[in-house]
Amino acid sequence: MTVTQQILTVAICVAGTMLTRFLPFLIFNGKRPTPAYVRYLGKALPAAIFGMLVVYCLKNVSILTGSHGIPELIAIVVTAGLHLWKRSMLLSIAGGTVCYMILVQTIF
């Protein structure tokens, strides 16, 4: 890839990112109320995305072979426990990830 192509690629990525970040503020400004379906999506999508991530992360876990999904189960319990205890998404995700990595690299 030439330097010109690299610069154009970065510029297009920057423009696309800025467009997706600024467009909602341009469309749904303070002059008119936000449509009901957009408010609904704002409430429903975060839980749906997390559910999809859980399914994606567990789709290749086999309980019939290997470690039988024990590291994944322990990491899920740690993640849920940390979230119920501290109500911090960053701590929950980081703690569950670290727990899983330690289990996979050392024990299982």
Protein backbone atom coordinates (compact mmCIF):
# COMPACT_ATOMS: atom_id res chain seq x y z
CA MET A 1 0.00 0.00 0.00
CA THR A 2 1.44 3.36 -0.97
CA VAL A 3 1.60 6.34 1.36
CA THR A 4 -1.20 8.03 -0.57
CA GLN A 5 -3.42 4.98 -0.18
CA GLN A 6 -2.65 4.81 3.53
CA ILE A 7 -3.53 8.49 4.00
CA LEU A 8 -6.77 8.06 2.06
CA THR A 9 -7.68 4.96 4.07
CA VAL A 10 -7.12 6.75 7.38
CA ALA A 11 -9.05 9.80 6.15
CA ILE A 12 -12.03 7.66 5.10
CA CYS A 13 -12.01 5.86 8.44
CA VAL A 14 -11.90 9.18 10.30
CA ALA A 15 -14.74 10.60 8.20
CA GLY A 16 -16.87 7.48 8.70
CA THR A 17 -16.28 7.51 12.45
CA MET A 18 -17.06 11.21 12.75
CA LEU A 19 -20.20 10.82 10.66
CA THR A 20 -21.56 8.01 12.84
CA ARG A 21 -20.73 9.98 16.01
CA PHE A 22 -22.14 13.37 14.95
CA LEU A 23 -25.12 12.32 12.83
CA PRO A 24 -27.46 11.48 15.75
CA PHE A 25 -26.87 14.94 17.24
CA LEU A 26 -27.63 16.58 13.91
CA ILE A 27 -30.78 14.53 13.30
CA PHE A 28 -32.16 14.54 16.85
CA ASN A 29 -31.34 18.05 17.99
CA GLY A 30 -33.11 19.80 20.85
CA LYS A 31 -35.63 21.52 18.57
CA ARG A 32 -37.94 18.52 18.29
CA PRO A 33 -38.60 15.52 20.53
CA THR A 34 -36.83 12.21 19.96
CA PRO A 35 -39.16 9.64 18.33
CA ALA A 36 -40.53 6.91 20.58
CA TYR A 37 -38.91 4.09 18.61
CA VAL A 38 -35.47 5.67 19.04
CA ARG A 39 -36.02 5.96 22.81
CA TYR A 40 -37.14 2.31 22.83
CA LEU A 41 -34.02 1.22 20.96
CA GLY A 42 -31.89 3.18 23.42
CA LYS A 43 -33.40 1.15 26.26
CA ALA A 44 -33.57 -2.27 24.56
CA LEU A 45 -30.37 -2.52 22.53
CA PRO A 46 -27.75 -2.51 25.33
CA ALA A 47 -29.21 -5.64 26.94
CA ALA A 48 -29.66 -7.28 23.54
CA ILE A 49 -26.04 -6.57 22.59
CA PHE A 50 -24.75 -8.05 25.84
CA GLY A 51 -26.92 -11.11 25.34
CA MET A 52 -25.54 -11.51 21.84
CA LEU A 53 -21.98 -11.20 23.16
CA VAL A 54 -22.60 -13.92 25.75
CA VAL A 55 -24.01 -16.25 23.10
CA TYR A 56 -21.09 -15.48 20.78
CA CYS A 57 -18.52 -16.12 23.50
CA LEU A 58 -20.09 -19.44 24.50
CA LYS A 59 -20.97 -20.77 21.03
CA ASN A 60 -17.91 -23.03 20.73
CA VAL A 61 -17.87 -24.32 24.31
CA SER A 62 -18.25 -28.07 24.40
CA ILE A 63 -19.36 -29.63 27.67
CA LEU A 64 -18.52 -33.10 26.35
CA THR A 65 -14.81 -32.59 25.69
CA GLY A 66 -11.78 -30.89 27.20
CA SER A 67 -12.40 -28.82 30.29
CA HIS A 68 -16.20 -29.27 29.90
CA GLY A 69 -16.81 -25.49 29.96
CA ILE A 70 -15.70 -25.15 33.58
CA PRO A 71 -13.42 -22.09 32.99
CA GLU A 72 -16.20 -20.33 31.12
CA LEU A 73 -18.73 -21.08 33.85
CA ILE A 74 -16.38 -19.86 36.60
CA ALA A 75 -15.60 -16.68 34.64
CA ILE A 76 -19.32 -16.00 34.13
CA VAL A 77 -19.98 -16.44 37.84
CA VAL A 78 -17.07 -14.10 38.69
CA THR A 79 -18.29 -11.51 36.18
CA ALA A 80 -21.86 -11.62 37.47
CA GLY A 81 -20.70 -11.56 41.09
CA LEU A 82 -18.44 -8.57 40.53
CA HIS A 83 -21.23 -6.72 38.76
CA LEU A 84 -23.78 -7.43 41.47
CA TRP A 85 -21.25 -6.41 44.12
CA LYS A 86 -19.78 -3.21 42.63
CA ARG A 87 -22.16 -2.32 39.77
CA SER A 88 -19.17 -1.38 37.63
CA MET A 89 -19.24 -2.65 34.06
CA LEU A 90 -15.52 -2.05 33.53
CA LEU A 91 -14.60 -3.95 36.69
CA SER A 92 -16.98 -6.79 35.84
CA ILE A 93 -15.70 -7.27 32.31
CA ALA A 94 -12.05 -6.89 33.28
CA GLY A 95 -12.39 -9.18 36.29
CA GLY A 96 -14.17 -11.89 34.33
CA THR A 97 -11.64 -11.68 31.50
CA VAL A 98 -8.66 -11.87 33.85
CA CYS A 99 -10.26 -14.78 35.72
CA TYR A 100 -10.86 -16.67 32.47
CA MET A 101 -7.34 -16.05 31.20
CA ILE A 102 -5.80 -17.23 34.46
CA LEU A 103 -7.96 -20.36 34.48
CA VAL A 104 -7.19 -21.24 30.87
CA GLN A 105 -3.46 -20.51 31.08
CA THR A 106 -2.71 -22.15 34.43
CA ILE A 107 -5.31 -24.65 35.56
CA PHE A 108 -7.25 -26.00 32.59
